[in-house]
Amino acid sequence: MHLQSPPEPSPLLGPRLIRAEIFVVMSVSLGASALMAIVRLVGALTAPRELKGQQAVLVGSMAPGRPWLDLALQLSQIAIAVAPVGLVAYLLVRSGESMRTIGADFRRPGGDLARGALLAAAIGGSGLAFYLAVWASGVNLTVVPGALPEQWWQVPVLLLASAQNGVLEEVIVAGYLLHRLGQAGWTPWKAVVVSSLLRGSYHLYQGFGGFVGNVVMGLVFGRLYQRWGRCMPLIAAHTLIDAVAFVGYAFLRDRVSWLP
């Protein structure tokens, strides 16, 4: 397995315009999420209760007691959250490229899914063990992956939310960002470190464990993207990890003693 050659600079984009483009994309997507996560962490740190006595709900009810309105709000939020991927696709086309440039396509479904499943198994299991350890140490909030009402749409919405996270994060933080930083002349490791720190920063609302765990995940995912030149295996892995966490928590909460 060999590292890709650095992306060729786009004739339409110089380093200055690349920096401006990245700033715009992040301002309407995961950079904005990072800012909100920092504010929420400050709020949690200054609250009367310790961190593990507070909750970070990932997918919760948006209209308790009104299931149809709740469903409409859930679907609307998912659609709005994934919209920046459309912006990335547009910007890539504007620069003479496409989503195929970053490997966000269905040319290799079997290989992408196989790689994603193996990666999900490795990251998911170690990630759960790490979360339980940092939660017990008191440096993380209690993460509640899914807290939706027990309606017919509970599992479909949790699966859609998992896919939204996988597509949004891996297209923007792995594929797009690493591709553009490579075009701007950044070294592969420097680009991966910045990408990983960004990934960790928008998980700070979960606490310090969420930050560290996602930085490590970002380092692994970033290097694999640079080797494979495709973000579809990462999308598959991320979606599977979140799907197991979201749906599994919905079925296991209050049924097992080891789950906070």
C-alpha atoms as a PDB file:
ATOM      1  CA  MET A   1       0.000   0.000   0.000  1.00  0.00           C
ATOM      2  CA  HIS A   2       1.539   3.278  -1.058  1.00  0.00           C
ATOM      3  CA  LEU A   3       0.761   6.877  -0.321  1.00  0.00           C
ATOM      4  CA  GLN A   4      -0.881   8.848  -3.070  1.00  0.00           C
ATOM      5  CA  SER A   5       1.077  11.485  -4.889  1.00  0.00           C
ATOM      6  CA  PRO A   6       0.224  14.989  -3.630  1.00  0.00           C
ATOM      7  CA  PRO A   7      -2.846  16.420  -5.403  1.00  0.00           C
ATOM      8  CA  GLU A   8      -2.009  18.528  -8.406  1.00  0.00           C
ATOM      9  CA  PRO A   9      -2.650  22.250  -7.830  1.00  0.00           C
ATOM     10  CA  SER A  10      -5.827  23.369  -9.528  1.00  0.00           C
ATOM     11  CA  PRO A  11      -5.188  25.898 -12.300  1.00  0.00           C
ATOM     12  CA  LEU A  12      -8.194  27.833 -10.996  1.00  0.00           C
ATOM     13  CA  LEU A  13      -7.101  27.919  -7.357  1.00  0.00           C
ATOM     14  CA  GLY A  14      -4.000  29.404  -5.764  1.00  0.00           C
ATOM     15  CA  PRO A  15      -3.108  28.886  -2.075  1.00  0.00           C
ATOM     16  CA  ARG A  16      -4.807  32.145  -1.075  1.00  0.00           C
ATOM     17  CA  LEU A  17      -8.077  31.219  -2.750  1.00  0.00           C
ATOM     18  CA  ILE A  18      -7.879  27.699  -1.324  1.00  0.00           C
ATOM     19  CA  ARG A  19      -7.585  29.136   2.199  1.00  0.00           C
ATOM     20  CA  ALA A  20     -10.578  31.397   1.573  1.00  0.00           C
ATOM     21  CA  GLU A  21     -12.612  28.507   0.169  1.00  0.00           C
ATOM     22  CA  ILE A  22     -11.806  26.269   3.146  1.00  0.00           C
ATOM     23  CA  PHE A  23     -12.766  29.059   5.543  1.00  0.00           C
ATOM     24  CA  VAL A  24     -16.145  29.479   3.837  1.00  0.00           C
ATOM     25  CA  VAL A  25     -16.882  25.735   3.811  1.00  0.00           C
ATOM     26  CA  MET A  26     -15.942  25.325   7.459  1.00  0.00           C
ATOM     27  CA  SER A  27     -17.889  28.423   8.480  1.00  0.00           C
ATOM     28  CA  VAL A  28     -21.125  26.833   7.311  1.00  0.00           C
ATOM     29  CA  SER A  29     -20.342  23.302   8.466  1.00  0.00           C
ATOM     30  CA  LEU A  30     -17.988  21.628  10.919  1.00  0.00           C
ATOM     31  CA  GLY A  31     -15.988  24.745  11.806  1.00  0.00           C
ATOM     32  CA  ALA A  32     -19.213  26.286  13.100  1.00  0.00           C
ATOM     33  CA  SER A  33     -19.928  23.039  14.960  1.00  0.00           C
ATOM     34  CA  ALA A  34     -16.479  23.255  16.580  1.00  0.00           C
ATOM     35  CA  LEU A  35     -17.210  26.761  17.854  1.00  0.00           C
ATOM     36  CA  MET A  36     -20.529  25.640  19.351  1.00  0.00           C
ATOM     37  CA  ALA A  37     -18.861  22.573  20.877  1.00  0.00           C
ATOM     38  CA  ILE A  38     -16.273  24.755  22.636  1.00  0.00           C
ATOM     39  CA  VAL A  39     -18.995  26.996  24.049  1.00  0.00           C
ATOM     40  CA  ARG A  40     -20.969  23.966  25.225  1.00  0.00           C
ATOM     41  CA  LEU A  41     -17.872  22.503  26.893  1.00  0.00           C
ATOM     42  CA  VAL A  42     -17.277  25.756  28.763  1.00  0.00           C
ATOM     43  CA  GLY A  43     -20.895  25.617  29.889  1.00  0.00           C
ATOM     44  CA  ALA A  44     -20.467  22.048  31.100  1.00  0.00           C
ATOM     45  CA  LEU A  45     -17.221  22.851  32.937  1.00  0.00           C
ATOM     46  CA  THR A  46     -18.820  25.790  34.752  1.00  0.00           C
ATOM     47  CA  ALA A  47     -21.997  23.882  35.686  1.00  0.00           C
ATOM     48  CA  PRO A  48     -22.501  22.789  39.294  1.00  0.00           C
ATOM     49  CA  ARG A  49     -22.360  19.069  38.475  1.00  0.00           C
ATOM     50  CA  GLU A  50     -19.268  17.138  37.449  1.00  0.00           C
ATOM     51  CA  LEU A  51     -18.883  16.270  33.776  1.00  0.00           C
ATOM     52  CA  LYS A  52     -19.967  12.638  33.970  1.00  0.00           C
ATOM     53  CA  GLY A  53     -23.104  13.731  35.806  1.00  0.00           C
ATOM     54  CA  GLN A  54     -24.178  15.707  32.718  1.00  0.00           C
ATOM     55  CA  GLN A  55     -25.484  14.336  29.440  1.00  0.00           C
ATOM     56  CA  ALA A  56     -24.563  14.959  25.813  1.00  0.00           C
ATOM     57  CA  VAL A  57     -27.535  13.753  23.773  1.00  0.00           C
ATOM     58  CA  LEU A  58     -26.600  13.062  20.158  1.00  0.00           C
ATOM     59  CA  VAL A  59     -30.039  12.330  18.696  1.00  0.00           C
ATOM     60  CA  GLY A  60     -32.861  13.399  20.975  1.00  0.00           C
ATOM     61  CA  SER A  61     -36.512  14.284  20.680  1.00  0.00           C
ATOM     62  CA  MET A  62     -37.182  17.718  19.214  1.00  0.00           C
ATOM     63  CA  ALA A  63     -40.910  17.800  19.966  1.00  0.00           C
ATOM     64  CA  PRO A  64     -41.733  15.576  22.971  1.00  0.00           C
ATOM     65  CA  GLY A  65     -45.250  14.232  22.882  1.00  0.00           C
ATOM     66  CA  ARG A  66     -45.778  15.243  19.232  1.00  0.00           C
ATOM     67  CA  PRO A  67     -44.405  12.323  17.192  1.00  0.00           C
ATOM     68  CA  TRP A  68     -45.267  13.577  13.693  1.00  0.00           C
ATOM     69  CA  LEU A  69     -43.804  17.010  14.340  1.00  0.00           C
ATOM     70  CA  ASP A  70     -40.791  15.330  15.928  1.00  0.00           C
ATOM     71  CA  LEU A  71     -40.291  13.208  12.802  1.00  0.00           C
ATOM     72  CA  ALA A  72     -40.577  16.236  10.512  1.00  0.00           C
ATOM     73  CA  LEU A  73     -38.025  18.153  12.589  1.00  0.00           C
ATOM     74  CA  GLN A  74     -35.622  15.200  12.679  1.00  0.00           C
ATOM     75  CA  LEU A  75     -35.705  14.776   8.901  1.00  0.00           C
ATOM     76  CA  SER A  76     -35.369  18.527   8.343  1.00  0.00           C
ATOM     77  CA  GLN A  77     -32.341  18.724  10.626  1.00  0.00           C
ATOM     78  CA  ILE A  78     -30.646  15.810   8.862  1.00  0.00           C
ATOM     79  CA  ALA A  79     -31.220  17.415   5.456  1.00  0.00           C
ATOM     80  CA  ILE A  80     -29.894  20.795   6.628  1.00  0.00           C
ATOM     81  CA  ALA A  81     -26.860  19.231   8.322  1.00  0.00           C
ATOM     82  CA  VAL A  82     -25.757  17.369   5.189  1.00  0.00           C
ATOM     83  CA  ALA A  83     -26.303  20.355   2.855  1.00  0.00           C
ATOM     84  CA  PRO A  84     -22.624  21.539   3.019  1.00  0.00           C
ATOM     85  CA  VAL A  85     -21.681  18.381   1.110  1.00  0.00           C
ATOM     86  CA  GLY A  86     -23.541  19.894  -1.834  1.00  0.00           C
ATOM     87  CA  LEU A  87     -21.440  23.027  -1.485  1.00  0.00           C
ATOM     88  CA  VAL A  88     -18.267  20.926  -1.569  1.00  0.00           C
ATOM     89  CA  ALA A  89     -19.489  19.111  -4.695  1.00  0.00           C
ATOM     90  CA  TYR A  90     -20.198  22.450  -6.375  1.00  0.00           C
ATOM     91  CA  LEU A  91     -16.791  23.887  -5.465  1.00  0.00           C
ATOM     92  CA  LEU A  92     -15.005  20.805  -6.772  1.00  0.00           C
ATOM     93  CA  VAL A  93     -16.827  21.099 -10.092  1.00  0.00           C
ATOM     94  CA  ARG A  94     -15.994  24.806 -10.236  1.00  0.00           C
ATOM     95  CA  SER A  95     -12.308  23.929  -9.950  1.00  0.00           C
ATOM     96  CA  GLY A  96     -12.499  21.396 -12.790  1.00  0.00           C
ATOM     97  CA  GLU A  97     -12.847  18.369 -10.521  1.00  0.00           C
ATOM     98  CA  SER A  98     -15.727  16.335  -9.069  1.00  0.00           C
ATOM     99  CA  MET A  99     -16.697  14.175  -6.108  1.00  0.00           C
ATOM    100  CA  ARG A 100     -14.837  11.338  -7.861  1.00  0.00           C
ATOM    101  CA  THR A 101     -11.648  13.315  -7.235  1.00  0.00           C
ATOM    102  CA  ILE A 102     -11.948  12.604  -3.495  1.00  0.00           C
ATOM    103  CA  GLY A 103     -13.387   9.123  -3.948  1.00  0.00           C
ATOM    104  CA  ALA A 104     -16.968  10.017  -2.982  1.00  0.00           C
ATOM    105  CA  ASP A 105     -18.634   7.826  -5.615  1.00  0.00           C
ATOM    106  CA  PHE A 106     -19.947   4.312  -6.124  1.00  0.00           C
ATOM    107  CA  ARG A 107     -17.300   2.943  -8.482  1.00  0.00           C
ATOM    108  CA  ARG A 108     -16.081   0.328  -5.967  1.00  0.00           C
ATOM    109  CA  PRO A 109     -19.021  -0.541  -3.700  1.00  0.00           C
ATOM    110  CA  GLY A 110     -17.795  -3.981  -2.663  1.00  0.00           C
ATOM    111  CA  GLY A 111     -14.246  -2.961  -1.794  1.00  0.00           C
ATOM    112  CA  ASP A 112     -15.329   0.251  -0.100  1.00  0.00           C
ATOM    113  CA  LEU A 113     -17.878  -1.550   2.076  1.00  0.00           C
ATOM    114  CA  ALA A 114     -15.443  -4.322   2.997  1.00  0.00           C
ATOM    115  CA  ARG A 115     -12.759  -1.837   4.004  1.00  0.00           C
ATOM    116  CA  GLY A 116     -15.325   0.218   5.884  1.00  0.00           C
ATOM    117  CA  ALA A 117     -16.672  -2.778   7.799  1.00  0.00           C
ATOM    118  CA  LEU A 118     -13.172  -3.862   8.887  1.00  0.00           C
ATOM    119  CA  LEU A 119     -12.323  -0.328   9.927  1.00  0.00           C
ATOM    120  CA  ALA A 120     -15.602   0.032  11.838  1.00  0.00           C
ATOM    121  CA  ALA A 121     -14.958  -3.191  13.749  1.00  0.00           C
ATOM    122  CA  ALA A 122     -11.477  -2.031  14.761  1.00  0.00           C
ATOM    123  CA  ILE A 123     -12.391   1.551  15.659  1.00  0.00           C
ATOM    124  CA  GLY A 124     -15.820   0.836  17.143  1.00  0.00           C
ATOM    125  CA  GLY A 125     -14.723  -1.724  19.712  1.00  0.00           C
ATOM    126  CA  SER A 126     -11.692   0.212  20.905  1.00  0.00           C
ATOM    127  CA  GLY A 127     -13.726   3.424  20.888  1.00  0.00           C
ATOM    128  CA  LEU A 128     -16.345   1.980  23.247  1.00  0.00           C
ATOM    129  CA  ALA A 129     -13.664   0.759  25.663  1.00  0.00           C
ATOM    130  CA  PHE A 130     -11.975   4.168  25.559  1.00  0.00           C
ATOM    131  CA  TYR A 131     -15.270   5.989  26.203  1.00  0.00           C
ATOM    132  CA  LEU A 132     -16.093   3.829  29.244  1.00  0.00           C
ATOM    133  CA  ALA A 133     -12.603   4.459  30.652  1.00  0.00           C
ATOM    134  CA  VAL A 134     -12.670   8.253  30.214  1.00  0.00           C
ATOM    135  CA  TRP A 135     -16.243   8.444  31.519  1.00  0.00           C
ATOM    136  CA  ALA A 136     -15.220   6.574  34.660  1.00  0.00           C
ATOM    137  CA  SER A 137     -12.299   8.993  35.102  1.00  0.00           C
ATOM    138  CA  GLY A 138     -14.725  11.945  35.119  1.00  0.00           C
ATOM    139  CA  VAL A 139     -13.348  13.885  32.133  1.00  0.00           C
ATOM    140  CA  ASN A 140     -16.276  13.184  29.831  1.00  0.00           C
ATOM    141  CA  LEU A 141     -19.991  13.803  29.829  1.00  0.00           C
ATOM    142  CA  THR A 142     -22.370  10.861  29.705  1.00  0.00           C
ATOM    143  CA  VAL A 143     -22.948  10.418  25.986  1.00  0.00           C
ATOM    144  CA  VAL A 144     -26.511   9.429  25.080  1.00  0.00           C
ATOM    145  CA  PRO A 145     -26.339   8.357  21.407  1.00  0.00           C
ATOM    146  CA  GLY A 146     -30.094   8.035  20.910  1.00  0.00           C
ATOM    147  CA  ALA A 147     -33.009   9.335  22.985  1.00  0.00           C
ATOM    148  CA  LEU A 148     -35.891   9.249  20.552  1.00  0.00           C
ATOM    149  CA  PRO A 149     -39.426   8.186  21.486  1.00  0.00           C
ATOM    150  CA  GLU A 150     -40.368   4.584  20.773  1.00  0.00           C
ATOM    151  CA  GLN A 151     -42.156   5.304  17.517  1.00  0.00           C
ATOM    152  CA  TRP A 152     -42.110   3.341  14.241  1.00  0.00           C
ATOM    153  CA  TRP A 153     -39.612   5.842  12.842  1.00  0.00           C
ATOM    154  CA  GLN A 154     -37.117   5.616  15.711  1.00  0.00           C
ATOM    155  CA  VAL A 155     -34.682   3.194  14.047  1.00  0.00           C
ATOM    156  CA  PRO A 156     -34.954   4.693  10.515  1.00  0.00           C
ATOM    157  CA  VAL A 157     -34.186   8.159  11.876  1.00  0.00           C
ATOM    158  CA  LEU A 158     -31.227   6.835  13.881  1.00  0.00           C
ATOM    159  CA  LEU A 159     -29.879   5.143  10.746  1.00  0.00           C
ATOM    160  CA  LEU A 160     -30.343   8.311   8.687  1.00  0.00           C
ATOM    161  CA  ALA A 161     -28.566  10.324  11.372  1.00  0.00           C
ATOM    162  CA  SER A 162     -25.694   7.820  11.265  1.00  0.00           C
ATOM    163  CA  ALA A 163     -25.409   8.162   7.496  1.00  0.00           C
ATOM    164  CA  GLN A 164     -25.585  11.948   7.745  1.00  0.00           C
ATOM    165  CA  ASN A 165     -22.669  11.984  10.181  1.00  0.00           C
ATOM    166  CA  GLY A 166     -20.641   9.634   8.006  1.00  0.00           C
ATOM    167  CA  VAL A 167     -21.207  11.560   4.781  1.00  0.00           C
ATOM    168  CA  LEU A 168     -20.801  15.051   6.244  1.00  0.00           C
ATOM    169  CA  GLU A 169     -17.681  14.409   8.299  1.00  0.00           C
ATOM    170  CA  GLU A 170     -15.761  12.165   5.931  1.00  0.00           C
ATOM    171  CA  VAL A 171     -16.479  14.177   2.775  1.00  0.00           C
ATOM    172  CA  ILE A 172     -15.541  17.475   4.411  1.00  0.00           C
ATOM    173  CA  VAL A 173     -12.879  16.679   7.033  1.00  0.00           C
ATOM    174  CA  ALA A 174     -11.204  13.769   5.264  1.00  0.00           C
ATOM    175  CA  GLY A 175     -11.769  14.024   1.522  1.00  0.00           C
ATOM    176  CA  TYR A 176     -12.278  17.713   0.784  1.00  0.00           C
ATOM    177  CA  LEU A 177     -10.022  19.246   3.438  1.00  0.00           C
ATOM    178  CA  LEU A 178      -7.060  16.909   2.897  1.00  0.00           C
ATOM    179  CA  HIS A 179      -7.386  17.245  -0.869  1.00  0.00           C
ATOM    180  CA  ARG A 180      -7.409  21.044  -0.769  1.00  0.00           C
ATOM    181  CA  LEU A 181      -4.575  21.271   1.778  1.00  0.00           C
ATOM    182  CA  GLY A 182      -2.505  18.985  -0.454  1.00  0.00           C
ATOM    183  CA  GLN A 183      -3.191  21.289  -3.407  1.00  0.00           C
ATOM    184  CA  ALA A 184      -2.082  24.224  -1.260  1.00  0.00           C
ATOM    185  CA  GLY A 185       1.306  22.554  -0.735  1.00  0.00           C
ATOM    186  CA  TRP A 186       0.857  21.200   2.794  1.00  0.00           C
ATOM    187  CA  THR A 187       2.781  18.075   3.744  1.00  0.00           C
ATOM    188  CA  PRO A 188       0.599  14.962   4.267  1.00  0.00           C
ATOM    189  CA  TRP A 189       1.238  14.747   8.013  1.00  0.00           C
ATOM    190  CA  LYS A 190       0.635  18.443   8.628  1.00  0.00           C
ATOM    191  CA  ALA A 191      -2.664  18.233   6.780  1.00  0.00           C
ATOM    192  CA  VAL A 192      -3.725  15.107   8.701  1.00  0.00           C
ATOM    193  CA  VAL A 193      -2.907  16.688  12.064  1.00  0.00           C
ATOM    194  CA  VAL A 194      -4.984  19.792  11.264  1.00  0.00           C
ATOM    195  CA  SER A 195      -7.852  17.632   9.989  1.00  0.00           C
ATOM    196  CA  SER A 196      -7.704  15.478  13.129  1.00  0.00           C
ATOM    197  CA  LEU A 197      -7.682  18.450  15.491  1.00  0.00           C
ATOM    198  CA  LEU A 198     -10.715  19.848  13.698  1.00  0.00           C
ATOM    199  CA  ARG A 199     -12.465  16.486  14.030  1.00  0.00           C
ATOM    200  CA  GLY A 200     -11.724  16.436  17.731  1.00  0.00           C
ATOM    201  CA  SER A 201     -12.767  20.059  18.282  1.00  0.00           C
ATOM    202  CA  TYR A 202     -16.343  19.652  17.113  1.00  0.00           C
ATOM    203  CA  HIS A 203     -16.711  16.718  19.522  1.00  0.00           C
ATOM    204  CA  LEU A 204     -15.626  18.786  22.545  1.00  0.00           C
ATOM    205  CA  TYR A 205     -19.254  19.073  23.671  1.00  0.00           C
ATOM    206  CA  GLN A 206     -18.833  15.448  24.813  1.00  0.00           C
ATOM    207  CA  GLY A 207     -15.867  16.336  27.017  1.00  0.00           C
ATOM    208  CA  PHE A 208     -12.119  15.821  26.811  1.00  0.00           C
ATOM    209  CA  GLY A 209     -12.435  12.119  26.095  1.00  0.00           C
ATOM    210  CA  GLY A 210     -14.562  12.860  23.045  1.00  0.00           C
ATOM    211  CA  PHE A 211     -11.879  15.241  21.821  1.00  0.00           C
ATOM    212  CA  VAL A 212      -8.954  12.842  22.275  1.00  0.00           C
ATOM    213  CA  GLY A 213     -10.798   9.829  20.888  1.00  0.00           C
ATOM    214  CA  ASN A 214     -11.840  11.660  17.747  1.00  0.00           C
ATOM    215  CA  VAL A 215      -8.375  13.137  17.190  1.00  0.00           C
ATOM    216  CA  VAL A 216      -6.982   9.594  17.186  1.00  0.00           C
ATOM    217  CA  MET A 217      -9.769   8.474  14.853  1.00  0.00           C
ATOM    218  CA  GLY A 218      -8.962  11.427  12.608  1.00  0.00           C
ATOM    219  CA  LEU A 219      -5.306  10.465  12.403  1.00  0.00           C
ATOM    220  CA  VAL A 220      -6.220   6.925  11.352  1.00  0.00           C
ATOM    221  CA  PHE A 221      -8.922   7.992   8.900  1.00  0.00           C
ATOM    222  CA  GLY A 222      -6.786  10.768   7.462  1.00  0.00           C
ATOM    223  CA  ARG A 223      -3.822   8.538   6.726  1.00  0.00           C
ATOM    224  CA  LEU A 224      -6.082   5.908   5.200  1.00  0.00           C
ATOM    225  CA  TYR A 225      -7.651   8.526   2.949  1.00  0.00           C
ATOM    226  CA  GLN A 226      -4.198   9.595   1.808  1.00  0.00           C
ATOM    227  CA  ARG A 227      -3.304   5.981   1.053  1.00  0.00           C
ATOM    228  CA  TRP A 228      -6.551   4.979  -0.634  1.00  0.00           C
ATOM    229  CA  GLY A 229      -7.534   8.268  -2.233  1.00  0.00           C
ATOM    230  CA  ARG A 230     -11.157   7.460  -1.404  1.00  0.00           C
ATOM    231  CA  CYS A 231     -13.447   8.664   1.323  1.00  0.00           C
ATOM    232  CA  MET A 232     -16.213   6.098   0.630  1.00  0.00           C
ATOM    233  CA  PRO A 233     -14.634   3.431   2.898  1.00  0.00           C
ATOM    234  CA  LEU A 234     -14.445   6.066   5.635  1.00  0.00           C
ATOM    235  CA  ILE A 235     -18.083   7.035   5.076  1.00  0.00           C
ATOM    236  CA  ALA A 236     -19.060   3.354   5.336  1.00  0.00           C
ATOM    237  CA  ALA A 237     -17.012   2.879   8.514  1.00  0.00           C
ATOM    238  CA  HIS A 238     -18.308   6.029  10.192  1.00  0.00           C
ATOM    239  CA  THR A 239     -21.917   5.204   9.289  1.00  0.00           C
ATOM    240  CA  LEU A 240     -21.588   1.665  10.657  1.00  0.00           C
ATOM    241  CA  ILE A 241     -19.957   2.859  13.884  1.00  0.00           C
ATOM    242  CA  ASP A 242     -22.702   5.405  14.533  1.00  0.00           C
ATOM    243  CA  ALA A 243     -25.491   3.034  13.493  1.00  0.00           C
ATOM    244  CA  VAL A 244     -24.347   0.397  15.989  1.00  0.00           C
ATOM    245  CA  ALA A 245     -23.940   3.045  18.707  1.00  0.00           C
ATOM    246  CA  PHE A 246     -27.268   4.790  18.074  1.00  0.00           C
ATOM    247  CA  VAL A 247     -29.467   1.739  17.543  1.00  0.00           C
ATOM    248  CA  GLY A 248     -27.598  -0.412  20.044  1.00  0.00           C
ATOM    249  CA  TYR A 249     -27.962   2.197  22.775  1.00  0.00           C
ATOM    250  CA  ALA A 250     -31.687   2.561  22.063  1.00  0.00           C
ATOM    251  CA  PHE A 251     -32.171  -1.160  22.684  1.00  0.00           C
ATOM    252  CA  LEU A 252     -29.654  -1.645  25.511  1.00  0.00           C
ATOM    253  CA  ARG A 253     -30.227   1.398  27.739  1.00  0.00           C
ATOM    254  CA  ASP A 254     -31.699   0.429  31.098  1.00  0.00           C
ATOM    255  CA  ARG A 255     -31.107  -3.240  30.199  1.00  0.00           C
ATOM    256  CA  VAL A 256     -27.369  -3.572  30.943  1.00  0.00           C
ATOM    257  CA  SER A 257     -25.524  -2.351  33.999  1.00  0.00           C
ATOM    258  CA  TRP A 258     -22.217  -1.428  32.338  1.00  0.00           C
ATOM    259  CA  LEU A 259     -23.688   1.207  30.022  1.00  0.00           C
ATOM    260  CA  PRO A 260     -23.759   4.694  31.617  1.00  0.00           C
END
